[in-house]
């Protein structure tokens, strides 16, 4: 893994606002409305589901790596279902790797991976909600951030977004785009 300051990579010209606080701002006080993002990126999500889950659907499926009482899914009957869904997202991330993704670390450094195996480990952390990493893919014009409920969030810079390539990658992996 090689790291470099984000501001010295040239990516700041493509993605001038890149910190999590810029991408997903939090309200100043609990109960305040969520402020608008400080950027002009467009947003969509990539999911194993063809629609946003309702609360009851989520509770029914409980499709997360760990259950609410922190029992690993491996110990539950939903483990094989979860694995099938996780594999769809990993297939998507394997396709993304062909476009030279880089990862943001500590809102300051950009990480270039030493190989696909290392990259896939961080992708799995994102899918399993163990960490929320942002992957910058300038060749597609997207930022991929971790999500929940087997959904990954995508921000894109409209003027450089490669919509056809990206959409094909998503559908070839058996996933859905939610807007």
Protein backbone atom coordinates (compact mmCIF):
# COMPACT_ATOMS: atom_id res chain seq x y z
CA UNK A 1 0.00 0.00 0.00
CA UNK A 2 1.44 3.35 -1.02
CA UNK A 3 0.04 6.55 0.43
CA UNK A 4 0.28 10.12 -0.77
CA UNK A 5 -1.37 13.34 0.39
CA UNK A 6 -4.64 13.76 -1.48
CA UNK A 7 -3.86 17.37 -2.35
CA UNK A 8 -0.72 16.25 -4.22
CA UNK A 9 -2.35 13.62 -6.44
CA UNK A 10 -4.24 15.72 -8.99
CA UNK A 11 -7.50 14.13 -7.83
CA UNK A 12 -8.48 17.34 -6.07
CA UNK A 13 -9.03 18.90 -9.52
CA UNK A 14 -11.60 16.20 -10.35
CA UNK A 15 -13.06 15.84 -6.84
CA UNK A 16 -12.42 19.18 -5.06
CA UNK A 17 -14.53 18.21 -2.05
CA UNK A 18 -13.69 14.75 -0.82
CA UNK A 19 -13.83 14.58 2.97
CA UNK A 20 -16.72 12.69 4.57
CA UNK A 21 -17.90 15.88 6.28
CA UNK A 22 -18.21 17.50 2.84
CA UNK A 23 -19.84 14.48 1.21
CA UNK A 24 -22.27 13.66 4.02
CA UNK A 25 -22.57 16.61 6.42
CA UNK A 26 -24.02 16.07 9.89
CA UNK A 27 -26.39 18.46 11.66
CA UNK A 28 -24.87 20.70 14.31
CA UNK A 29 -27.33 19.53 16.96
CA UNK A 30 -29.30 16.33 17.31
CA UNK A 31 -32.74 16.87 15.83
CA UNK A 32 -31.62 19.61 13.42
CA UNK A 33 -32.26 18.94 9.74
CA UNK A 34 -29.34 17.44 7.84
CA UNK A 35 -27.56 20.24 5.97
CA UNK A 36 -27.13 20.09 2.23
CA UNK A 37 -23.80 18.68 1.02
CA UNK A 38 -21.10 21.20 0.14
CA UNK A 39 -20.59 19.71 -3.31
CA UNK A 40 -22.28 19.48 -6.68
CA UNK A 41 -21.89 15.74 -7.13
CA UNK A 42 -24.88 13.65 -8.12
CA UNK A 43 -25.82 10.66 -5.99
CA UNK A 44 -27.03 7.15 -6.66
CA UNK A 45 -26.71 3.80 -4.92
CA UNK A 46 -25.79 0.31 -6.04
CA UNK A 47 -27.69 -2.44 -4.28
CA UNK A 48 -28.38 -6.16 -4.33
CA UNK A 49 -32.06 -5.20 -4.00
CA UNK A 50 -34.14 -3.65 -6.77
CA UNK A 51 -35.74 -1.12 -4.40
CA UNK A 52 -35.05 0.61 -1.10
CA UNK A 53 -35.86 -1.74 1.76
CA UNK A 54 -38.65 -0.72 4.09
CA UNK A 55 -38.02 -1.04 7.79
CA UNK A 56 -40.15 -4.19 7.97
CA UNK A 57 -38.31 -5.75 4.99
CA UNK A 58 -34.99 -5.04 6.63
CA UNK A 59 -36.12 -6.54 9.92
CA UNK A 60 -37.51 -9.56 8.11
CA UNK A 61 -34.35 -10.16 6.11
CA UNK A 62 -31.78 -8.95 8.67
CA UNK A 63 -29.29 -8.98 5.84
CA UNK A 64 -26.20 -7.61 7.52
CA UNK A 65 -22.88 -9.22 8.37
CA UNK A 66 -23.70 -9.17 12.09
CA UNK A 67 -27.10 -9.24 13.71
CA UNK A 68 -28.16 -6.50 16.10
CA UNK A 69 -26.95 -8.52 19.08
CA UNK A 70 -23.54 -8.84 17.37
CA UNK A 71 -23.85 -12.54 16.60
CA UNK A 72 -21.88 -13.17 13.40
CA UNK A 73 -24.18 -14.17 10.55
CA UNK A 74 -22.09 -17.31 10.04
CA UNK A 75 -23.95 -18.70 13.03
CA UNK A 76 -27.42 -17.98 11.61
CA UNK A 77 -29.57 -19.50 8.90
CA UNK A 78 -29.23 -16.33 6.78
CA UNK A 79 -25.50 -16.83 6.25
CA UNK A 80 -25.86 -18.51 2.82
CA UNK A 81 -28.26 -15.76 1.69
CA UNK A 82 -25.84 -13.09 2.90
CA UNK A 83 -22.90 -14.77 1.14
CA UNK A 84 -24.78 -14.83 -2.17
CA UNK A 85 -25.52 -11.09 -1.88
CA UNK A 86 -21.99 -10.28 -0.77
CA UNK A 87 -20.59 -12.12 -3.79
CA UNK A 88 -22.64 -9.89 -6.12
CA UNK A 89 -21.07 -6.78 -4.58
CA UNK A 90 -17.59 -8.33 -4.71
CA UNK A 91 -18.14 -9.05 -8.41
CA UNK A 92 -18.93 -5.35 -8.89
CA UNK A 93 -15.79 -4.31 -6.98
CA UNK A 94 -13.66 -6.70 -9.08
CA UNK A 95 -14.88 -4.85 -12.18
CA UNK A 96 -14.14 -1.48 -10.56
CA UNK A 97 -10.56 -2.64 -9.97
CA UNK A 98 -9.96 -2.59 -13.74
CA UNK A 99 -10.37 1.22 -13.62
CA UNK A 100 -7.56 1.83 -11.07
CA UNK A 101 -9.41 2.80 -7.88
CA UNK A 102 -7.66 4.58 -5.05
CA UNK A 103 -8.81 4.75 -1.44
CA UNK A 104 -9.10 7.80 0.80
CA UNK A 105 -7.55 7.24 4.22
CA UNK A 106 -8.14 9.50 7.23
CA UNK A 107 -9.67 12.20 4.95
CA UNK A 108 -6.12 13.14 4.01
CA UNK A 109 -4.19 10.44 2.18
CA UNK A 110 -4.88 8.63 -1.03
CA UNK A 111 -3.88 4.97 -1.02
CA UNK A 112 -2.70 3.12 -4.10
CA UNK A 113 -3.08 -0.62 -3.66
CA UNK A 114 -0.20 -3.05 -4.10
CA UNK A 115 -2.52 -5.55 -5.73
CA UNK A 116 -6.03 -6.81 -6.24
CA UNK A 117 -6.00 -8.99 -3.10
CA UNK A 118 -5.29 -6.00 -0.85
CA UNK A 119 -7.96 -3.93 -2.63
CA UNK A 120 -10.58 -6.68 -2.29
CA UNK A 121 -9.94 -6.92 1.46
CA UNK A 122 -10.92 -3.25 1.89
CA UNK A 123 -13.94 -3.74 -0.36
CA UNK A 124 -15.08 -6.56 1.88
CA UNK A 125 -14.69 -4.31 4.94
CA UNK A 126 -17.01 -1.80 3.22
CA UNK A 127 -19.59 -4.43 2.35
CA UNK A 128 -19.54 -5.93 5.83
CA UNK A 129 -19.91 -2.48 7.38
CA UNK A 130 -16.71 -2.89 9.41
CA UNK A 131 -15.36 0.38 8.04
CA UNK A 132 -16.48 3.06 5.64
CA UNK A 133 -13.81 3.69 3.05
CA UNK A 134 -14.15 5.94 0.04
CA UNK A 135 -12.82 4.65 -3.26
CA UNK A 136 -12.01 7.24 -5.92
CA UNK A 137 -12.25 6.01 -9.50
CA UNK A 138 -11.32 8.95 -11.73
CA UNK A 139 -11.47 6.81 -14.88
CA UNK A 140 -15.21 6.39 -14.22
CA UNK A 141 -15.76 9.79 -12.56
CA UNK A 142 -17.12 8.25 -9.35
CA UNK A 143 -16.54 8.08 -5.62
CA UNK A 144 -17.78 4.85 -4.02
CA UNK A 145 -18.48 5.00 -0.30
CA UNK A 146 -19.55 2.23 2.01
CA UNK A 147 -23.17 1.72 2.80
CA UNK A 148 -25.48 -0.50 4.75
CA UNK A 149 -28.12 -3.11 3.90
CA UNK A 150 -25.84 -4.37 1.11
CA UNK A 151 -25.99 -1.02 -0.66
CA UNK A 152 -22.98 1.07 -1.73
CA UNK A 153 -23.27 4.83 -2.22
CA UNK A 154 -21.96 6.44 -5.37
CA UNK A 155 -21.19 10.10 -5.94
CA UNK A 156 -20.29 11.22 -9.41
CA UNK A 157 -19.00 14.35 -11.07
CA UNK A 158 -21.47 14.78 -13.92
CA UNK A 159 -19.03 16.21 -16.45
CA UNK A 160 -16.67 13.19 -16.27
CA UNK A 161 -19.06 10.39 -15.24
CA UNK A 162 -18.86 7.38 -17.57
CA UNK A 163 -22.52 6.41 -17.18
CA UNK A 164 -22.69 3.67 -19.82
CA UNK A 165 -19.58 1.86 -18.55
CA UNK A 166 -20.66 2.18 -14.95
CA UNK A 167 -24.24 1.02 -15.59
CA UNK A 168 -22.96 -1.99 -17.53
CA UNK A 169 -20.63 -2.95 -14.66
CA UNK A 170 -23.50 -2.77 -12.19
CA UNK A 171 -25.94 -4.81 -14.26
CA UNK A 172 -23.28 -7.37 -15.27
CA UNK A 173 -22.65 -7.96 -11.56
CA UNK A 174 -26.37 -8.62 -11.04
CA UNK A 175 -26.92 -5.43 -9.03
CA UNK A 176 -29.36 -2.55 -9.27
CA UNK A 177 -28.97 1.23 -9.42
CA UNK A 178 -31.24 3.06 -6.98
CA UNK A 179 -31.70 6.80 -7.43
